[in-house]
Amino acid sequence: MKNKITVELNADQAWAFAEFLKRVSREDFERRAVDRNEADLMWEAGICLREALGEQGFAPR
């Protein structure tokens, strides 16, 4: 089941979070997760958020 989450960010917030998602690594999630499964879920969520930000024009190189 998928959940639709709507959030409002100003342009600076959106850009900064897109930059964060570009720079964060899978290992960062693994260090902070309870287990590998949670790290994988966190990583997948980050990918979804990065794609959504990119669709709105916030896609740092």
PDB file of N, CA and C in Angstrom:
ATOM      1  N   MET A   1       0.843  -1.180   0.000  1.00  0.00           N
ATOM      2  CA  MET A   1       0.000   0.000   0.000  1.00  0.00           C
ATOM      3  C   MET A   1       0.892   1.248   0.000  1.00  0.00           C
ATOM      4  N   LYS A   2       0.545   2.175  -0.839  1.00  0.00           N
ATOM      5  CA  LYS A   2       1.289   3.430  -0.900  1.00  0.00           C
ATOM      6  C   LYS A   2       0.488   4.518  -0.199  1.00  0.00           C
ATOM      7  N   ASN A   3       1.202   5.453   0.386  1.00  0.00           N
ATOM      8  CA  ASN A   3       0.594   6.608   1.039  1.00  0.00           C
ATOM      9  C   ASN A   3       1.018   7.858   0.311  1.00  0.00           C
ATOM     10  N   LYS A   4       0.078   8.741   0.072  1.00  0.00           N
ATOM     11  CA  LYS A   4       0.391  10.024  -0.532  1.00  0.00           C
ATOM     12  C   LYS A   4       0.610  11.020   0.598  1.00  0.00           C
ATOM     13  N   ILE A   5       1.769  11.655   0.576  1.00  0.00           N
ATOM     14  CA  ILE A   5       2.121  12.639   1.597  1.00  0.00           C
ATOM     15  C   ILE A   5       2.336  13.971   0.893  1.00  0.00           C
ATOM     16  N   THR A   6       1.644  14.977   1.363  1.00  0.00           N
ATOM     17  CA  THR A   6       1.773  16.313   0.793  1.00  0.00           C
ATOM     18  C   THR A   6       2.480  17.198   1.804  1.00  0.00           C
ATOM     19  N   VAL A   7       3.460  17.917   1.325  1.00  0.00           N
ATOM     20  CA  VAL A   7       4.219  18.817   2.202  1.00  0.00           C
ATOM     21  C   VAL A   7       4.473  20.113   1.446  1.00  0.00           C
ATOM     22  N   GLU A   8       4.474  21.203   2.169  1.00  0.00           N
ATOM     23  CA  GLU A   8       4.777  22.498   1.556  1.00  0.00           C
ATOM     24  C   GLU A   8       6.124  22.970   2.075  1.00  0.00           C
ATOM     25  N   LEU A   9       7.040  23.228   1.151  1.00  0.00           N
ATOM     26  CA  LEU A   9       8.364  23.737   1.478  1.00  0.00           C
ATOM     27  C   LEU A   9       8.597  25.007   0.677  1.00  0.00           C
ATOM     28  N   ASN A  10       9.321  25.941   1.254  1.00  0.00           N
ATOM     29  CA  ASN A  10       9.706  27.081   0.427  1.00  0.00           C
ATOM     30  C   ASN A  10      10.858  26.622  -0.465  1.00  0.00           C
ATOM     31  N   ALA A  11      11.216  27.432  -1.417  1.00  0.00           N
ATOM     32  CA  ALA A  11      12.233  27.030  -2.400  1.00  0.00           C
ATOM     33  C   ALA A  11      13.565  26.708  -1.741  1.00  0.00           C
ATOM     34  N   ASP A  12      13.963  27.469  -0.735  1.00  0.00           N
ATOM     35  CA  ASP A  12      15.238  27.213  -0.063  1.00  0.00           C
ATOM     36  C   ASP A  12      15.217  25.873   0.666  1.00  0.00           C
ATOM     37  N   GLN A  13      14.120  25.570   1.333  1.00  0.00           N
ATOM     38  CA  GLN A  13      13.994  24.293   2.029  1.00  0.00           C
ATOM     39  C   GLN A  13      14.025  23.131   1.046  1.00  0.00           C
ATOM     40  N   ALA A  14      13.282  23.257  -0.039  1.00  0.00           N
ATOM     41  CA  ALA A  14      13.224  22.191  -1.040  1.00  0.00           C
ATOM     42  C   ALA A  14      14.607  21.954  -1.646  1.00  0.00           C
ATOM     43  N   TRP A  15      15.290  23.024  -1.968  1.00  0.00           N
ATOM     44  CA  TRP A  15      16.619  22.889  -2.573  1.00  0.00           C
ATOM     45  C   TRP A  15      17.600  22.258  -1.581  1.00  0.00           C
ATOM     46  N   ALA A  16      17.561  22.724  -0.330  1.00  0.00           N
ATOM     47  CA  ALA A  16      18.475  22.187   0.676  1.00  0.00           C
ATOM     48  C   ALA A  16      18.208  20.694   0.919  1.00  0.00           C
ATOM     49  N   PHE A  17      16.943  20.300   0.961  1.00  0.00           N
ATOM     50  CA  PHE A  17      16.650  18.891   1.196  1.00  0.00           C
ATOM     51  C   PHE A  17      17.027  18.040  -0.010  1.00  0.00           C
ATOM     52  N   ALA A  18      16.848  18.578  -1.208  1.00  0.00           N
ATOM     53  CA  ALA A  18      17.283  17.866  -2.408  1.00  0.00           C
ATOM     54  C   ALA A  18      18.794  17.678  -2.383  1.00  0.00           C
ATOM     55  N   GLU A  19      19.523  18.689  -1.948  1.00  0.00           N
ATOM     56  CA  GLU A  19      20.986  18.579  -1.819  1.00  0.00           C
ATOM     57  C   GLU A  19      21.349  17.506  -0.786  1.00  0.00           C
ATOM     58  N   PHE A  20      20.644  17.492   0.337  1.00  0.00           N
ATOM     59  CA  PHE A  20      20.889  16.488   1.364  1.00  0.00           C
ATOM     60  C   PHE A  20      20.701  15.085   0.804  1.00  0.00           C
ATOM     61  N   LEU A  21      19.586  14.875   0.102  1.00  0.00           N
ATOM     62  CA  LEU A  21      19.294  13.556  -0.444  1.00  0.00           C
ATOM     63  C   LEU A  21      20.309  13.147  -1.507  1.00  0.00           C
ATOM     64  N   LYS A  22      20.888  14.122  -2.191  1.00  0.00           N
ATOM     65  CA  LYS A  22      21.932  13.821  -3.170  1.00  0.00           C
ATOM     66  C   LYS A  22      23.204  13.361  -2.459  1.00  0.00           C
ATOM     67  N   ARG A  23      23.497  13.954  -1.314  1.00  0.00           N
ATOM     68  CA  ARG A  23      24.767  13.706  -0.624  1.00  0.00           C
ATOM     69  C   ARG A  23      24.742  12.519   0.333  1.00  0.00           C
ATOM     70  N   VAL A  24      23.564  12.178   0.843  1.00  0.00           N
ATOM     71  CA  VAL A  24      23.475  11.099   1.824  1.00  0.00           C
ATOM     72  C   VAL A  24      23.738   9.766   1.130  1.00  0.00           C
ATOM     73  N   SER A  25      24.378   8.860   1.842  1.00  0.00           N
ATOM     74  CA  SER A  25      24.688   7.559   1.263  1.00  0.00           C
ATOM     75  C   SER A  25      23.859   6.467   1.937  1.00  0.00           C
ATOM     76  N   ARG A  26      23.809   5.342   1.286  1.00  0.00           N
ATOM     77  CA  ARG A  26      23.111   4.189   1.869  1.00  0.00           C
ATOM     78  C   ARG A  26      23.710   3.853   3.238  1.00  0.00           C
ATOM     79  N   GLU A  27      25.019   3.989   3.366  1.00  0.00           N
ATOM     80  CA  GLU A  27      25.698   3.703   4.626  1.00  0.00           C
ATOM     81  C   GLU A  27      25.234   4.633   5.741  1.00  0.00           C
ATOM     82  N   ASP A  28      24.887   5.886   5.413  1.00  0.00           N
ATOM     83  CA  ASP A  28      24.357   6.802   6.421  1.00  0.00           C
ATOM     84  C   ASP A  28      23.065   6.256   7.012  1.00  0.00           C
ATOM     85  N   PHE A  29      22.217   5.717   6.175  1.00  0.00           N
ATOM     86  CA  PHE A  29      20.969   5.127   6.661  1.00  0.00           C
ATOM     87  C   PHE A  29      21.255   3.866   7.472  1.00  0.00           C
ATOM     88  N   GLU A  30      22.200   3.065   7.023  1.00  0.00           N
ATOM     89  CA  GLU A  30      22.525   1.828   7.739  1.00  0.00           C
ATOM     90  C   GLU A  30      23.044   2.117   9.142  1.00  0.00           C
ATOM     91  N   ARG A  31      23.836   3.186   9.294  1.00  0.00           N
ATOM     92  CA  ARG A  31      24.368   3.541  10.610  1.00  0.00           C
ATOM     93  C   ARG A  31      23.271   3.995  11.571  1.00  0.00           C
ATOM     94  N   ARG A  32      22.189   4.512  11.041  1.00  0.00           N
ATOM     95  CA  ARG A  32      21.145   5.078  11.894  1.00  0.00           C
ATOM     96  C   ARG A  32      19.923   4.183  12.057  1.00  0.00           C
ATOM     97  N   ALA A  33      19.859   3.124  11.286  1.00  0.00           N
ATOM     98  CA  ALA A  33      18.705   2.225  11.315  1.00  0.00           C
ATOM     99  C   ALA A  33      18.863   1.154  12.391  1.00  0.00           C
ATOM    100  N   VAL A  34      17.736   0.594  12.776  1.00  0.00           N
ATOM    101  CA  VAL A  34      17.721  -0.498  13.740  1.00  0.00           C
ATOM    102  C   VAL A  34      18.290  -1.771  13.111  1.00  0.00           C
ATOM    103  N   ASP A  35      17.965  -1.988  11.835  1.00  0.00           N
ATOM    104  CA  ASP A  35      18.458  -3.172  11.142  1.00  0.00           C
ATOM    105  C   ASP A  35      18.518  -2.890   9.645  1.00  0.00           C
ATOM    106  N   ARG A  36      18.978  -3.867   8.898  1.00  0.00           N
ATOM    107  CA  ARG A  36      19.153  -3.704   7.450  1.00  0.00           C
ATOM    108  C   ARG A  36      17.821  -3.428   6.747  1.00  0.00           C
ATOM    109  N   ASN A  37      16.765  -4.102   7.188  1.00  0.00           N
ATOM    110  CA  ASN A  37      15.448  -3.901   6.576  1.00  0.00           C
ATOM    111  C   ASN A  37      14.999  -2.444   6.727  1.00  0.00           C
ATOM    112  N   GLU A  38      15.154  -1.888   7.919  1.00  0.00           N
ATOM    113  CA  GLU A  38      14.768  -0.496   8.129  1.00  0.00           C
ATOM    114  C   GLU A  38      15.632   0.437   7.281  1.00  0.00           C
ATOM    115  N   ALA A  39      16.919   0.146   7.185  1.00  0.00           N
ATOM    116  CA  ALA A  39      17.810   0.968   6.354  1.00  0.00           C
ATOM    117  C   ALA A  39      17.371   0.940   4.898  1.00  0.00           C
ATOM    118  N   ASP A  40      16.989  -0.235   4.415  1.00  0.00           N
ATOM    119  CA  ASP A  40      16.519  -0.346   3.032  1.00  0.00           C
ATOM    120  C   ASP A  40      15.254   0.473   2.811  1.00  0.00           C
ATOM    121  N   LEU A  41      14.336   0.417   3.770  1.00  0.00           N
ATOM    122  CA  LEU A  41      13.094   1.188   3.652  1.00  0.00           C
ATOM    123  C   LEU A  41      13.373   2.688   3.676  1.00  0.00           C
ATOM    124  N   MET A  42      14.284   3.105   4.545  1.00  0.00           N
ATOM    125  CA  MET A  42      14.655   4.520   4.609  1.00  0.00           C
ATOM    126  C   MET A  42      15.289   4.969   3.289  1.00  0.00           C
ATOM    127  N   TRP A  43      16.174   4.140   2.743  1.00  0.00           N
ATOM    128  CA  TRP A  43      16.834   4.450   1.484  1.00  0.00           C
ATOM    129  C   TRP A  43      15.803   4.597   0.356  1.00  0.00           C
ATOM    130  N   GLU A  44      14.867   3.649   0.289  1.00  0.00           N
ATOM    131  CA  GLU A  44      13.821   3.691  -0.744  1.00  0.00           C
ATOM    132  C   GLU A  44      12.950   4.937  -0.604  1.00  0.00           C
ATOM    133  N   ALA A  45      12.632   5.312   0.630  1.00  0.00           N
ATOM    134  CA  ALA A  45      11.849   6.532   0.850  1.00  0.00           C
ATOM    135  C   ALA A  45      12.626   7.757   0.375  1.00  0.00           C
ATOM    136  N   GLY A  46      13.919   7.776   0.651  1.00  0.00           N
ATOM    137  CA  GLY A  46      14.749   8.890   0.191  1.00  0.00           C
ATOM    138  C   GLY A  46      14.750   9.010  -1.323  1.00  0.00           C
ATOM    139  N   ILE A  47      14.801   7.881  -2.000  1.00  0.00           N
ATOM    140  CA  ILE A  47      14.756   7.885  -3.469  1.00  0.00           C
ATOM    141  C   ILE A  47      13.430   8.470  -3.948  1.00  0.00           C
ATOM    142  N   CYS A  48      12.331   8.062  -3.333  1.00  0.00           N
ATOM    143  CA  CYS A  48      11.010   8.594  -3.716  1.00  0.00           C
ATOM    144  C   CYS A  48      10.951  10.107  -3.512  1.00  0.00           C
ATOM    145  N   LEU A  49      11.459  10.565  -2.383  1.00  0.00           N
ATOM    146  CA  LEU A  49      11.450  12.002  -2.104  1.00  0.00           C
ATOM    147  C   LEU A  49      12.339  12.760  -3.079  1.00  0.00           C
ATOM    148  N   ARG A  50      13.511  12.200  -3.378  1.00  0.00           N
ATOM    149  CA  ARG A  50      14.418  12.847  -4.333  1.00  0.00           C
ATOM    150  C   ARG A  50      13.761  12.968  -5.704  1.00  0.00           C
ATOM    151  N   GLU A  51      13.065  11.920  -6.133  1.00  0.00           N
ATOM    152  CA  GLU A  51      12.376  11.955  -7.424  1.00  0.00           C
ATOM    153  C   GLU A  51      11.252  12.987  -7.421  1.00  0.00           C
ATOM    154  N   ALA A  52      10.490  13.053  -6.334  1.00  0.00           N
ATOM    155  CA  ALA A  52       9.394  14.023  -6.245  1.00  0.00           C
ATOM    156  C   ALA A  52       9.933  15.453  -6.274  1.00  0.00           C
ATOM    157  N   LEU A  53      11.031  15.697  -5.562  1.00  0.00           N
ATOM    158  CA  LEU A  53      11.644  17.024  -5.602  1.00  0.00           C
ATOM    159  C   LEU A  53      12.140  17.342  -7.006  1.00  0.00           C
ATOM    160  N   GLY A  54      12.723  16.375  -7.675  1.00  0.00           N
ATOM    161  CA  GLY A  54      13.199  16.572  -9.044  1.00  0.00           C
ATOM    162  C   GLY A  54      12.071  16.925  -9.996  1.00  0.00           C
ATOM    163  N   GLU A  55      10.930  16.287  -9.815  1.00  0.00           N
ATOM    164  CA  GLU A  55       9.777  16.582 -10.670  1.00  0.00           C
ATOM    165  C   GLU A  55       9.297  18.012 -10.491  1.00  0.00           C
ATOM    166  N   GLN A  56       9.596  18.605  -9.345  1.00  0.00           N
ATOM    167  CA  GLN A  56       9.215  19.999  -9.086  1.00  0.00           C
ATOM    168  C   GLN A  56      10.339  20.971  -9.409  1.00  0.00           C
ATOM    169  N   GLY A  57      11.417  20.462  -9.999  1.00  0.00           N
ATOM    170  CA  GLY A  57      12.511  21.336 -10.429  1.00  0.00           C
ATOM    171  C   GLY A  57      13.650  21.446  -9.437  1.00  0.00           C
ATOM    172  N   PHE A  58      13.644  20.655  -8.389  1.00  0.00           N
ATOM    173  CA  PHE A  58      14.710  20.686  -7.398  1.00  0.00           C
ATOM    174  C   PHE A  58      15.558  19.441  -7.555  1.00  0.00           C
ATOM    175  N   ALA A  59      16.419  19.458  -8.540  1.00  0.00           N
ATOM    176  CA  ALA A  59      17.255  18.301  -8.861  1.00  0.00           C
ATOM    177  C   ALA A  59      18.705  18.734  -9.004  1.00  0.00           C
ATOM    178  N   PRO A  60      19.413  18.827  -7.874  1.00  0.00           N
ATOM    179  CA  PRO A  60      20.819  19.237  -7.963  1.00  0.00           C
ATOM    180  C   PRO A  60      21.658  18.209  -8.709  1.00  0.00           C
ATOM    181  N   ARG A  61      22.705  18.673  -9.337  1.00  0.00           N
ATOM    182  CA  ARG A  61      23.587  17.783 -10.092  1.00  0.00           C
ATOM    183  C   ARG A  61      24.670  17.239  -9.215  1.00  0.00           C
TER     184      ARG A  61
END
